[in-house]
Amino acid sequence: MRIEVQHNFGIIAKRLQELKDDIQNKVLAQTVNALAVEAQRNMTTEIAAEFNITRREALEYLRIDRATAKAGARFVMARLYAPPRKKGRGFNLIRFVEKKVTFAEMRRRKKAGTLAQLRVQIKRGGGPKTLHGAFIANNGRTVFVREGKARLPIKALTTIDVAQMFNTKRVKSRVVAKIKAGAPYMLRDKLAMVIKGKRPD
């Protein structure tokens, strides 16, 4: 689960090539690290806009491996990724259970005999999804469903985690587009800062 962005920086790249290798590496490392932080910020915004979690919750599961300015490096790379949760498990579905409903909707469901049915909303768009036969137990912490007609066995219900939200095509494409648009300006700014702050030979 990672974002890969390639970019031709045009005239800015030509200016960069005029510098010594160690200065080039420093500029590139600072640029890709700044872009990784910006991608992380954009990713939390996009995930929270698409799915029913907060930006803070999304940020908790996003990691950055920073680039370093190594001597003689042919390229530099920073990595933004979302590691899967323990044993590949997704979020407990309890966090997406519908918590409130309008009085009119409550009356409609009561009339239809569906008032007691659990509903969850994982994505922000659209309405909640009904979980037929599901129930809450474990002191209100877990949503379960029976695996047969008998009372037991039961299984806990989970859903996708941030790693899968991260890799959603629509979310990922919007983040990549923003990074590609901002990359030349980020390189230009980092190049100007390093040139201004570098020591004379």
N, C-alpha and C. Protein backbone atom coordinates (compact mmCIF):
# COMPACT_ATOMS: atom_id res chain seq x y z
N MET A 1 0.85 -1.18 0.00
CA MET A 1 0.00 0.00 0.00
C MET A 1 0.89 1.23 0.00
N ARG A 2 1.16 1.80 -1.18
CA ARG A 2 2.02 2.97 -1.22
C ARG A 2 1.67 3.83 -2.42
N ILE A 3 2.10 5.07 -2.37
CA ILE A 3 1.89 6.00 -3.47
C ILE A 3 3.21 6.16 -4.21
N GLU A 4 3.17 6.06 -5.52
CA GLU A 4 4.35 6.30 -6.34
C GLU A 4 4.04 7.44 -7.30
N VAL A 5 4.88 8.46 -7.30
CA VAL A 5 4.69 9.60 -8.18
C VAL A 5 5.98 9.85 -8.93
N GLN A 6 5.89 9.91 -10.26
CA GLN A 6 7.02 10.27 -11.09
C GLN A 6 6.73 11.60 -11.72
N HIS A 7 7.75 12.44 -11.86
CA HIS A 7 7.51 13.79 -12.37
C HIS A 7 8.73 14.30 -13.12
N ASN A 8 8.48 14.95 -14.26
CA ASN A 8 9.53 15.64 -15.00
C ASN A 8 9.47 17.10 -14.60
N PHE A 9 10.50 17.57 -13.93
CA PHE A 9 10.46 18.92 -13.36
C PHE A 9 10.93 20.00 -14.33
N GLY A 10 11.24 19.63 -15.56
CA GLY A 10 11.55 20.61 -16.59
C GLY A 10 12.72 21.51 -16.24
N ILE A 11 12.51 22.80 -16.37
CA ILE A 11 13.58 23.79 -16.19
C ILE A 11 14.12 23.79 -14.77
N ILE A 12 13.28 23.44 -13.81
CA ILE A 12 13.76 23.38 -12.42
C ILE A 12 14.80 22.27 -12.27
N ALA A 13 14.58 21.15 -12.96
CA ALA A 13 15.54 20.05 -12.92
C ALA A 13 16.88 20.47 -13.52
N LYS A 14 16.84 21.29 -14.56
CA LYS A 14 18.09 21.77 -15.18
C LYS A 14 18.88 22.63 -14.20
N ARG A 15 18.18 23.46 -13.46
CA ARG A 15 18.85 24.28 -12.45
C ARG A 15 19.47 23.40 -11.37
N LEU A 16 18.73 22.35 -11.00
CA LEU A 16 19.22 21.44 -9.97
C LEU A 16 20.50 20.74 -10.43
N GLN A 17 20.58 20.37 -11.70
CA GLN A 17 21.73 19.65 -12.22
C GLN A 17 23.00 20.51 -12.27
N GLU A 18 22.83 21.80 -12.17
CA GLU A 18 23.99 22.70 -12.17
C GLU A 18 24.71 22.69 -10.82
N LEU A 19 24.08 22.13 -9.80
CA LEU A 19 24.67 22.09 -8.47
C LEU A 19 25.52 20.85 -8.28
N LYS A 20 26.34 20.85 -7.25
CA LYS A 20 27.15 19.68 -6.93
C LYS A 20 26.23 18.54 -6.47
N ASP A 21 26.75 17.33 -6.60
CA ASP A 21 25.92 16.15 -6.30
C ASP A 21 25.38 16.16 -4.89
N ASP A 22 26.21 16.57 -3.91
CA ASP A 22 25.73 16.53 -2.53
C ASP A 22 24.61 17.53 -2.29
N ILE A 23 24.69 18.68 -2.98
CA ILE A 23 23.62 19.68 -2.85
C ILE A 23 22.37 19.18 -3.56
N GLN A 24 22.52 18.54 -4.72
CA GLN A 24 21.38 17.96 -5.42
C GLN A 24 20.64 16.96 -4.53
N ASN A 25 21.43 16.08 -3.91
CA ASN A 25 20.82 15.06 -3.05
C ASN A 25 20.08 15.68 -1.87
N LYS A 26 20.66 16.73 -1.33
CA LYS A 26 20.03 17.42 -0.20
C LYS A 26 18.69 18.03 -0.61
N VAL A 27 18.68 18.70 -1.77
CA VAL A 27 17.46 19.33 -2.26
C VAL A 27 16.39 18.27 -2.54
N LEU A 28 16.78 17.20 -3.21
CA LEU A 28 15.82 16.16 -3.57
C LEU A 28 15.25 15.47 -2.33
N ALA A 29 16.11 15.20 -1.35
CA ALA A 29 15.65 14.56 -0.13
C ALA A 29 14.66 15.45 0.61
N GLN A 30 14.98 16.73 0.72
CA GLN A 30 14.07 17.66 1.40
C GLN A 30 12.75 17.78 0.64
N THR A 31 12.82 17.76 -0.68
CA THR A 31 11.61 17.89 -1.50
C THR A 31 10.69 16.69 -1.34
N VAL A 32 11.25 15.49 -1.50
CA VAL A 32 10.38 14.31 -1.43
C VAL A 32 9.84 14.10 -0.01
N ASN A 33 10.61 14.50 1.00
CA ASN A 33 10.09 14.39 2.37
C ASN A 33 8.94 15.35 2.60
N ALA A 34 9.08 16.57 2.07
CA ALA A 34 8.00 17.54 2.21
C ALA A 34 6.77 17.08 1.44
N LEU A 35 6.98 16.47 0.27
CA LEU A 35 5.86 15.95 -0.51
C LEU A 35 5.18 14.78 0.21
N ALA A 36 5.98 13.96 0.90
CA ALA A 36 5.40 12.84 1.65
C ALA A 36 4.51 13.34 2.78
N VAL A 37 4.96 14.38 3.47
CA VAL A 37 4.16 14.97 4.55
C VAL A 37 2.87 15.56 3.98
N GLU A 38 3.01 16.23 2.83
CA GLU A 38 1.83 16.82 2.18
C GLU A 38 0.87 15.71 1.71
N ALA A 39 1.43 14.62 1.19
CA ALA A 39 0.59 13.49 0.78
C ALA A 39 -0.14 12.88 1.97
N GLN A 40 0.55 12.79 3.09
CA GLN A 40 -0.08 12.26 4.31
C GLN A 40 -1.24 13.15 4.73
N ARG A 41 -1.04 14.45 4.67
CA ARG A 41 -2.10 15.39 5.04
C ARG A 41 -3.29 15.26 4.08
N ASN A 42 -2.99 15.19 2.78
CA ASN A 42 -4.05 15.04 1.79
C ASN A 42 -4.78 13.71 1.94
N MET A 43 -4.03 12.66 2.25
CA MET A 43 -4.63 11.34 2.38
C MET A 43 -5.61 11.28 3.56
N THR A 44 -5.23 11.89 4.68
CA THR A 44 -6.14 11.90 5.83
C THR A 44 -7.43 12.66 5.49
N THR A 45 -7.30 13.75 4.73
CA THR A 45 -8.47 14.54 4.34
C THR A 45 -9.37 13.73 3.41
N GLU A 46 -8.77 13.07 2.43
CA GLU A 46 -9.55 12.32 1.45
C GLU A 46 -10.22 11.09 2.08
N ILE A 47 -9.50 10.40 2.95
CA ILE A 47 -10.09 9.22 3.62
C ILE A 47 -11.27 9.65 4.48
N ALA A 48 -11.09 10.73 5.24
CA ALA A 48 -12.17 11.20 6.12
C ALA A 48 -13.36 11.71 5.32
N ALA A 49 -13.12 12.22 4.10
CA ALA A 49 -14.21 12.69 3.26
C ALA A 49 -14.98 11.53 2.64
N GLU A 50 -14.28 10.42 2.38
CA GLU A 50 -14.89 9.27 1.71
C GLU A 50 -15.51 8.29 2.71
N PHE A 51 -14.83 8.11 3.86
CA PHE A 51 -15.27 7.12 4.84
C PHE A 51 -15.67 7.79 6.15
N ASN A 52 -16.42 7.08 6.95
CA ASN A 52 -16.99 7.64 8.16
C ASN A 52 -16.03 7.54 9.35
N ILE A 53 -14.81 8.06 9.15
CA ILE A 53 -13.85 8.18 10.24
C ILE A 53 -13.29 9.60 10.21
N THR A 54 -12.63 10.00 11.28
CA THR A 54 -12.08 11.36 11.35
C THR A 54 -10.68 11.40 10.76
N ARG A 55 -10.21 12.61 10.49
CA ARG A 55 -8.85 12.79 9.99
C ARG A 55 -7.84 12.29 11.02
N ARG A 56 -8.12 12.54 12.30
CA ARG A 56 -7.21 12.09 13.36
C ARG A 56 -7.10 10.56 13.36
N GLU A 57 -8.23 9.88 13.19
CA GLU A 57 -8.21 8.41 13.15
C GLU A 57 -7.43 7.90 11.94
N ALA A 58 -7.60 8.55 10.79
CA ALA A 58 -6.86 8.14 9.59
C ALA A 58 -5.37 8.36 9.78
N LEU A 59 -5.01 9.51 10.34
CA LEU A 59 -3.60 9.84 10.53
C LEU A 59 -2.90 8.84 11.44
N GLU A 60 -3.63 8.29 12.39
CA GLU A 60 -3.05 7.34 13.33
C GLU A 60 -2.47 6.11 12.64
N TYR A 61 -2.97 5.78 11.45
CA TYR A 61 -2.55 4.56 10.77
C TYR A 61 -1.68 4.83 9.54
N LEU A 62 -1.30 6.07 9.29
CA LEU A 62 -0.44 6.39 8.15
C LEU A 62 0.99 6.59 8.61
N ARG A 63 1.94 6.04 7.87
CA ARG A 63 3.35 6.09 8.22
C ARG A 63 4.16 6.68 7.07
N ILE A 64 5.29 7.31 7.42
CA ILE A 64 6.21 7.85 6.42
C ILE A 64 7.60 7.32 6.67
N ASP A 65 8.23 6.76 5.64
CA ASP A 65 9.66 6.46 5.66
C ASP A 65 10.35 7.58 4.91
N ARG A 66 11.18 8.35 5.61
CA ARG A 66 11.78 9.54 5.02
C ARG A 66 13.00 9.22 4.18
N ALA A 67 13.20 10.05 3.16
CA ALA A 67 14.38 9.92 2.30
C ALA A 67 15.59 10.54 2.99
N THR A 68 16.76 10.06 2.64
CA THR A 68 18.01 10.62 3.15
C THR A 68 18.89 11.03 1.98
N ALA A 69 19.72 12.04 2.18
CA ALA A 69 20.61 12.55 1.13
C ALA A 69 21.92 11.77 1.19
N LYS A 70 21.95 10.60 0.58
CA LYS A 70 23.14 9.76 0.59
C LYS A 70 24.10 10.15 -0.54
N ALA A 71 25.37 10.11 -0.24
CA ALA A 71 26.39 10.45 -1.24
C ALA A 71 26.34 9.44 -2.38
N GLY A 72 26.39 9.95 -3.61
CA GLY A 72 26.42 9.07 -4.77
C GLY A 72 25.10 8.41 -5.10
N ALA A 73 24.01 8.83 -4.46
CA ALA A 73 22.71 8.21 -4.71
C ALA A 73 22.23 8.56 -6.11
N ARG A 74 21.67 7.57 -6.83
CA ARG A 74 21.13 7.82 -8.16
C ARG A 74 19.71 8.37 -8.09
N PHE A 75 19.04 8.10 -6.98
CA PHE A 75 17.70 8.62 -6.77
C PHE A 75 17.41 8.62 -5.27
N VAL A 76 16.42 9.40 -4.87
CA VAL A 76 16.00 9.41 -3.47
C VAL A 76 14.51 9.08 -3.43
N MET A 77 14.08 8.48 -2.34
CA MET A 77 12.69 8.06 -2.24
C MET A 77 12.21 8.18 -0.81
N ALA A 78 11.02 8.73 -0.65
CA ALA A 78 10.30 8.70 0.62
C ALA A 78 9.04 7.88 0.37
N ARG A 79 8.53 7.25 1.40
CA ARG A 79 7.39 6.36 1.23
C ARG A 79 6.29 6.69 2.23
N LEU A 80 5.08 6.86 1.71
CA LEU A 80 3.88 7.00 2.54
C LEU A 80 3.09 5.71 2.42
N TYR A 81 2.74 5.10 3.55
CA TYR A 81 2.02 3.84 3.49
C TYR A 81 1.15 3.66 4.73
N ALA A 82 0.23 2.72 4.62
CA ALA A 82 -0.66 2.39 5.73
C ALA A 82 -0.51 0.90 6.01
N PRO A 83 0.24 0.53 7.04
CA PRO A 83 0.41 -0.89 7.34
C PRO A 83 -0.91 -1.52 7.77
N PRO A 84 -1.17 -2.76 7.36
CA PRO A 84 -2.41 -3.42 7.78
C PRO A 84 -2.43 -3.64 9.29
N ARG A 85 -3.62 -3.70 9.84
CA ARG A 85 -3.76 -3.92 11.28
C ARG A 85 -3.35 -5.34 11.65
N LYS A 86 -3.30 -5.63 12.94
CA LYS A 86 -2.85 -6.92 13.43
C LYS A 86 -3.61 -8.07 12.77
N LYS A 87 -2.85 -9.04 12.27
CA LYS A 87 -3.39 -10.25 11.67
C LYS A 87 -4.34 -9.94 10.52
N GLY A 88 -4.16 -8.76 9.90
CA GLY A 88 -4.98 -8.41 8.75
C GLY A 88 -6.42 -8.05 9.08
N ARG A 89 -6.73 -7.85 10.35
CA ARG A 89 -8.11 -7.57 10.75
C ARG A 89 -8.48 -6.13 10.44
N GLY A 90 -9.74 -5.94 10.03
CA GLY A 90 -10.23 -4.60 9.78
C GLY A 90 -10.79 -3.98 11.05
N PHE A 91 -11.42 -2.82 10.89
CA PHE A 91 -12.04 -2.15 12.02
C PHE A 91 -13.22 -2.97 12.55
N ASN A 92 -13.39 -2.96 13.86
CA ASN A 92 -14.59 -3.52 14.46
C ASN A 92 -15.79 -2.72 13.94
N LEU A 93 -16.79 -3.40 13.50
CA LEU A 93 -17.94 -2.74 12.87
C LEU A 93 -18.72 -1.85 13.83
N ILE A 94 -18.50 -2.01 15.13
CA ILE A 94 -19.24 -1.22 16.11
C ILE A 94 -19.03 0.27 15.93
N ARG A 95 -17.87 0.65 15.43
CA ARG A 95 -17.57 2.08 15.28
C ARG A 95 -18.40 2.73 14.18
N PHE A 96 -19.02 1.92 13.31
CA PHE A 96 -19.80 2.47 12.20
C PHE A 96 -21.31 2.27 12.40
N VAL A 97 -21.71 1.74 13.56
CA VAL A 97 -23.13 1.53 13.82
C VAL A 97 -23.85 2.88 13.94
N GLU A 98 -25.00 2.96 13.32
CA GLU A 98 -25.81 4.18 13.36
C GLU A 98 -26.12 4.56 14.82
N LYS A 99 -25.80 5.79 15.16
CA LYS A 99 -25.94 6.22 16.56
C LYS A 99 -27.19 7.06 16.83
N LYS A 100 -27.73 7.68 15.80
CA LYS A 100 -28.94 8.47 16.02
C LYS A 100 -29.77 8.47 14.73
N VAL A 101 -31.04 8.71 14.88
CA VAL A 101 -31.96 8.71 13.75
C VAL A 101 -33.05 9.73 14.04
N THR A 102 -33.63 10.28 13.00
CA THR A 102 -34.69 11.27 13.19
C THR A 102 -35.94 10.60 13.75
N PHE A 103 -36.78 11.39 14.40
CA PHE A 103 -38.02 10.87 14.97
C PHE A 103 -38.93 10.31 13.89
N ALA A 104 -38.97 10.99 12.74
CA ALA A 104 -39.81 10.54 11.64
C ALA A 104 -39.34 9.19 11.11
N GLU A 105 -38.00 9.02 10.99
CA GLU A 105 -37.45 7.76 10.51
C GLU A 105 -37.70 6.64 11.52
N MET A 106 -37.61 6.98 12.81
CA MET A 106 -37.88 6.00 13.85
C MET A 106 -39.33 5.51 13.77
N ARG A 107 -40.25 6.41 13.55
CA ARG A 107 -41.66 6.03 13.42
C ARG A 107 -41.88 5.16 12.19
N ARG A 108 -41.18 5.48 11.08
CA ARG A 108 -41.33 4.71 9.86
C ARG A 108 -40.81 3.28 10.06
N ARG A 109 -39.66 3.16 10.73
CA ARG A 109 -39.09 1.84 10.97
C ARG A 109 -39.95 1.02 11.94
N LYS A 110 -40.50 1.70 12.92
CA LYS A 110 -41.35 1.01 13.88
C LYS A 110 -42.59 0.45 13.20
N LYS A 111 -43.14 1.23 12.30
CA LYS A 111 -44.32 0.80 11.55
C LYS A 111 -43.99 -0.38 10.65
N ALA A 112 -42.76 -0.38 10.10
CA ALA A 112 -42.34 -1.45 9.19
C ALA A 112 -41.82 -2.67 9.94
N GLY A 113 -41.67 -2.56 11.26
CA GLY A 113 -41.16 -3.66 12.06
C GLY A 113 -39.66 -3.86 11.95
N THR A 114 -38.93 -2.81 11.56
CA THR A 114 -37.48 -2.92 11.38
C THR A 114 -36.70 -2.05 12.37
N LEU A 115 -37.37 -1.58 13.40
CA LEU A 115 -36.73 -0.65 14.33
C LEU A 115 -35.53 -1.28 15.03
N ALA A 116 -35.61 -2.57 15.35
CA ALA A 116 -34.55 -3.22 16.12
C ALA A 116 -33.35 -3.64 15.26
N GLN A 117 -33.45 -3.54 13.96
CA GLN A 117 -32.36 -3.97 13.10
C GLN A 117 -31.18 -2.99 13.17
N LEU A 118 -29.97 -3.55 13.22
CA LEU A 118 -28.77 -2.71 13.25
C LEU A 118 -28.48 -2.15 11.86
N ARG A 119 -27.98 -0.93 11.85
CA ARG A 119 -27.58 -0.30 10.59
C ARG A 119 -26.21 0.33 10.77
N VAL A 120 -25.40 0.23 9.72
CA VAL A 120 -24.05 0.81 9.76
C VAL A 120 -23.86 1.71 8.56
N GLN A 121 -22.97 2.69 8.73
CA GLN A 121 -22.63 3.57 7.61
C GLN A 121 -21.12 3.71 7.56
N ILE A 122 -20.49 2.98 6.64
CA ILE A 122 -19.04 2.99 6.52
C ILE A 122 -18.58 4.15 5.64
N LYS A 123 -19.28 4.37 4.54
CA LYS A 123 -18.98 5.51 3.67
C LYS A 123 -19.89 6.67 4.01
N ARG A 124 -19.40 7.87 3.81
CA ARG A 124 -20.20 9.05 4.14
C ARG A 124 -21.34 9.25 3.14
N GLY A 125 -21.10 8.89 1.89
CA GLY A 125 -22.15 9.04 0.88
C GLY A 125 -23.18 7.94 0.99
N GLY A 126 -24.42 8.26 0.64
CA GLY A 126 -25.48 7.26 0.69
C GLY A 126 -26.01 7.06 2.10
N GLY A 127 -26.94 6.15 2.23
CA GLY A 127 -27.55 5.90 3.52
C GLY A 127 -26.93 4.72 4.24
N PRO A 128 -27.40 4.44 5.46
CA PRO A 128 -26.87 3.31 6.23
C PRO A 128 -27.29 1.97 5.63
N LYS A 129 -26.49 0.94 5.89
CA LYS A 129 -26.77 -0.41 5.41
C LYS A 129 -27.31 -1.24 6.57
N THR A 130 -28.38 -1.97 6.31
CA THR A 130 -28.99 -2.81 7.34
C THR A 130 -28.24 -4.13 7.48
N LEU A 131 -27.96 -4.51 8.72
CA LEU A 131 -27.29 -5.79 9.01
C LEU A 131 -28.33 -6.76 9.56
N HIS A 132 -28.89 -7.56 8.70
CA HIS A 132 -29.95 -8.49 9.11
C HIS A 132 -29.39 -9.56 10.05
N GLY A 133 -30.02 -9.72 11.19
CA GLY A 133 -29.63 -10.74 12.14
C GLY A 133 -28.44 -10.39 13.02
N ALA A 134 -27.87 -9.21 12.86
CA ALA A 134 -26.72 -8.81 13.67
C ALA A 134 -27.17 -8.28 15.01
N PHE A 135 -26.29 -8.36 15.99
CA PHE A 135 -26.61 -7.86 17.32
C PHE A 135 -25.32 -7.40 18.02
N ILE A 136 -25.48 -6.58 19.04
CA ILE A 136 -24.34 -6.04 19.78
C ILE A 136 -24.20 -6.79 21.10
N ALA A 137 -22.98 -7.21 21.41
CA ALA A 137 -22.68 -7.90 22.68
C ALA A 137 -21.29 -7.48 23.13
N ASN A 138 -20.70 -8.27 24.02
CA ASN A 138 -19.36 -7.95 24.54
C ASN A 138 -19.36 -6.58 25.20
N ASN A 139 -20.37 -6.35 26.05
CA ASN A 139 -20.52 -5.08 26.76
C ASN A 139 -20.60 -3.89 25.82
N GLY A 140 -21.29 -4.10 24.71
CA GLY A 140 -21.51 -3.00 23.77
C GLY A 140 -20.31 -2.68 22.89
N ARG A 141 -19.31 -3.56 22.85
CA ARG A 141 -18.08 -3.25 22.12
C ARG A 141 -17.97 -3.93 20.75
N THR A 142 -18.84 -4.92 20.47
CA THR A 142 -18.67 -5.71 19.26
C THR A 142 -20.01 -6.04 18.62
N VAL A 143 -20.01 -6.06 17.28
CA VAL A 143 -21.18 -6.49 16.52
C VAL A 143 -20.97 -7.95 16.13
N PHE A 144 -21.96 -8.78 16.41
CA PHE A 144 -21.87 -10.22 16.10
C PHE A 144 -23.01 -10.63 15.18
N VAL A 145 -22.81 -11.80 14.55
CA VAL A 145 -23.86 -12.45 13.80
C VAL A 145 -23.75 -13.95 14.04
N ARG A 146 -24.88 -14.64 14.08
CA ARG A 146 -24.85 -16.09 14.28
C ARG A 146 -24.48 -16.78 12.98
N GLU A 147 -23.69 -17.84 13.09
CA GLU A 147 -23.22 -18.54 11.90
C GLU A 147 -24.20 -19.61 11.42
N GLY A 148 -25.22 -19.85 12.19
CA GLY A 148 -26.26 -20.82 11.81
C GLY A 148 -27.56 -20.45 12.48
N LYS A 149 -28.48 -21.39 12.52
CA LYS A 149 -29.77 -21.13 13.14
C LYS A 149 -29.73 -21.24 14.66
N ALA A 150 -28.71 -21.94 15.18
CA ALA A 150 -28.58 -22.11 16.63
C ALA A 150 -28.04 -20.83 17.27
N ARG A 151 -28.15 -20.78 18.59
CA ARG A 151 -27.68 -19.60 19.33
C ARG A 151 -26.17 -19.43 19.18
N LEU A 152 -25.46 -20.53 19.11
CA LEU A 152 -24.02 -20.52 18.91
C LEU A 152 -23.69 -21.46 17.74
N PRO A 153 -22.57 -21.24 17.03
CA PRO A 153 -21.53 -20.22 17.29
C PRO A 153 -21.90 -18.86 16.69
N ILE A 154 -21.15 -17.85 17.12
CA ILE A 154 -21.30 -16.51 16.59
C ILE A 154 -19.94 -16.00 16.13
N LYS A 155 -19.93 -15.00 15.29
CA LYS A 155 -18.66 -14.39 14.85
C LYS A 155 -18.77 -12.87 14.88
N ALA A 156 -17.64 -12.23 15.19
CA ALA A 156 -17.58 -10.78 15.21
C ALA A 156 -17.48 -10.26 13.77
N LEU A 157 -18.13 -9.15 13.51
CA LEU A 157 -18.10 -8.55 12.19
C LEU A 157 -17.09 -7.41 12.15
N THR A 158 -16.27 -7.41 11.11
CA THR A 158 -15.30 -6.34 10.90
C THR A 158 -15.48 -5.78 9.50
N THR A 159 -14.79 -4.68 9.24
CA THR A 159 -14.85 -4.07 7.91
C THR A 159 -13.45 -3.63 7.51
N ILE A 160 -13.33 -2.91 6.43
CA ILE A 160 -12.01 -2.52 5.93
C ILE A 160 -11.28 -1.62 6.92
N ASP A 161 -9.95 -1.63 6.82
CA ASP A 161 -9.15 -0.77 7.69
C ASP A 161 -8.57 0.37 6.86
N VAL A 162 -7.74 1.22 7.48
CA VAL A 162 -7.19 2.39 6.80
C VAL A 162 -6.30 1.98 5.63
N ALA A 163 -5.60 0.85 5.75
CA ALA A 163 -4.76 0.39 4.64
C ALA A 163 -5.59 0.17 3.38
N GLN A 164 -6.78 -0.37 3.53
CA GLN A 164 -7.65 -0.60 2.37
C GLN A 164 -8.31 0.70 1.91
N MET A 165 -8.66 1.56 2.86
CA MET A 165 -9.18 2.88 2.50
C MET A 165 -8.14 3.66 1.71
N PHE A 166 -6.89 3.57 2.17
CA PHE A 166 -5.74 4.22 1.53
C PHE A 166 -5.64 3.80 0.06
N ASN A 167 -5.89 2.52 -0.20
CA ASN A 167 -5.69 1.97 -1.53
C ASN A 167 -6.93 2.05 -2.41
N THR A 168 -7.99 2.70 -1.92
CA THR A 168 -9.17 2.90 -2.74
C THR A 168 -8.82 3.76 -3.94
N LYS A 169 -9.20 3.33 -5.12
CA LYS A 169 -8.77 3.99 -6.36
C LYS A 169 -9.13 5.47 -6.37
N ARG A 170 -10.34 5.81 -5.98
CA ARG A 170 -10.78 7.20 -6.03
C ARG A 170 -10.00 8.06 -5.05
N VAL A 171 -9.76 7.56 -3.85
CA VAL A 171 -8.99 8.30 -2.84
C VAL A 171 -7.55 8.48 -3.31
N LYS A 172 -6.94 7.41 -3.74
CA LYS A 172 -5.53 7.43 -4.14
C LYS A 172 -5.30 8.35 -5.34
N SER A 173 -6.19 8.31 -6.32
CA SER A 173 -6.01 9.13 -7.52
C SER A 173 -6.08 10.62 -7.21
N ARG A 174 -6.95 11.00 -6.27
CA ARG A 174 -7.05 12.41 -5.91
C ARG A 174 -5.79 12.90 -5.20
N VAL A 175 -5.22 12.04 -4.34
CA VAL A 175 -3.99 12.42 -3.64
C VAL A 175 -2.83 12.53 -4.61
N VAL A 176 -2.70 11.57 -5.52
CA VAL A 176 -1.61 11.60 -6.51
C VAL A 176 -1.71 12.84 -7.38
N ALA A 177 -2.93 13.21 -7.79
CA ALA A 177 -3.11 14.40 -8.61
C ALA A 177 -2.64 15.66 -7.88
N LYS A 178 -2.95 15.75 -6.60
CA LYS A 178 -2.53 16.93 -5.83
C LYS A 178 -1.02 16.98 -5.68
N ILE A 179 -0.39 15.82 -5.46
CA ILE A 179 1.07 15.80 -5.30
C ILE A 179 1.76 16.15 -6.61
N LYS A 180 1.27 15.64 -7.72
CA LYS A 180 1.86 15.96 -9.02
C LYS A 180 1.75 17.45 -9.32
N ALA A 181 0.61 18.03 -8.96
CA ALA A 181 0.41 19.47 -9.20
C ALA A 181 1.34 20.32 -8.35
N GLY A 182 1.60 19.88 -7.11
CA GLY A 182 2.41 20.69 -6.20
C GLY A 182 3.89 20.40 -6.23
N ALA A 183 4.30 19.29 -6.85
CA ALA A 183 5.70 18.88 -6.81
C ALA A 183 6.68 19.91 -7.39
N PRO A 184 6.41 20.50 -8.56
CA PRO A 184 7.36 21.48 -9.10
C PRO A 184 7.57 22.67 -8.18
N TYR A 185 6.51 23.14 -7.55
CA TYR A 185 6.61 24.29 -6.66
C TYR A 185 7.37 23.93 -5.39
N MET A 186 7.17 22.71 -4.90
CA MET A 186 7.90 22.27 -3.72
C MET A 186 9.40 22.17 -4.02
N LEU A 187 9.75 21.61 -5.18
CA LEU A 187 11.16 21.51 -5.57
C LEU A 187 11.77 22.89 -5.75
N ARG A 188 11.03 23.80 -6.37
CA ARG A 188 11.52 25.17 -6.56
C ARG A 188 11.82 25.84 -5.23
N ASP A 189 10.91 25.69 -4.26
CA ASP A 189 11.09 26.33 -2.96
C ASP A 189 12.27 25.73 -2.19
N LYS A 190 12.39 24.39 -2.21
CA LYS A 190 13.49 23.74 -1.51
C LYS A 190 14.83 24.07 -2.17
N LEU A 191 14.83 24.17 -3.49
CA LEU A 191 16.05 24.54 -4.21
C LEU A 191 16.49 25.94 -3.82
N ALA A 192 15.55 26.88 -3.76
CA ALA A 192 15.88 28.25 -3.38
C ALA A 192 16.39 28.33 -1.95
N MET A 193 15.79 27.56 -1.05
CA MET A 193 16.21 27.58 0.36
C MET A 193 17.62 27.02 0.53
N VAL A 194 17.92 25.92 -0.16
CA VAL A 194 19.24 25.31 -0.02
C VAL A 194 20.33 26.19 -0.64
N ILE A 195 20.04 26.76 -1.80
CA ILE A 195 21.02 27.65 -2.44
C ILE A 195 21.30 28.85 -1.56
N LYS A 196 20.25 29.41 -0.99
CA LYS A 196 20.41 30.59 -0.14
C LYS A 196 21.17 30.27 1.13
N GLY A 197 20.98 29.06 1.67
CA GLY A 197 21.59 28.72 2.95
C GLY A 197 22.89 27.97 2.88
N LYS A 198 23.35 27.56 1.67
CA LYS A 198 24.56 26.76 1.57
C LYS A 198 25.80 27.59 1.86
N ARG A 199 26.84 26.95 2.37
CA ARG A 199 28.07 27.64 2.68
C ARG A 199 28.94 27.81 1.44
N PRO A 200 29.75 28.86 1.37
CA PRO A 200 30.64 29.02 0.21
C PRO A 200 31.72 27.95 0.21
N ASP A 201 32.28 27.63 -0.97
CA ASP A 201 33.33 26.62 -1.07
C ASP A 201 34.59 27.08 -0.34
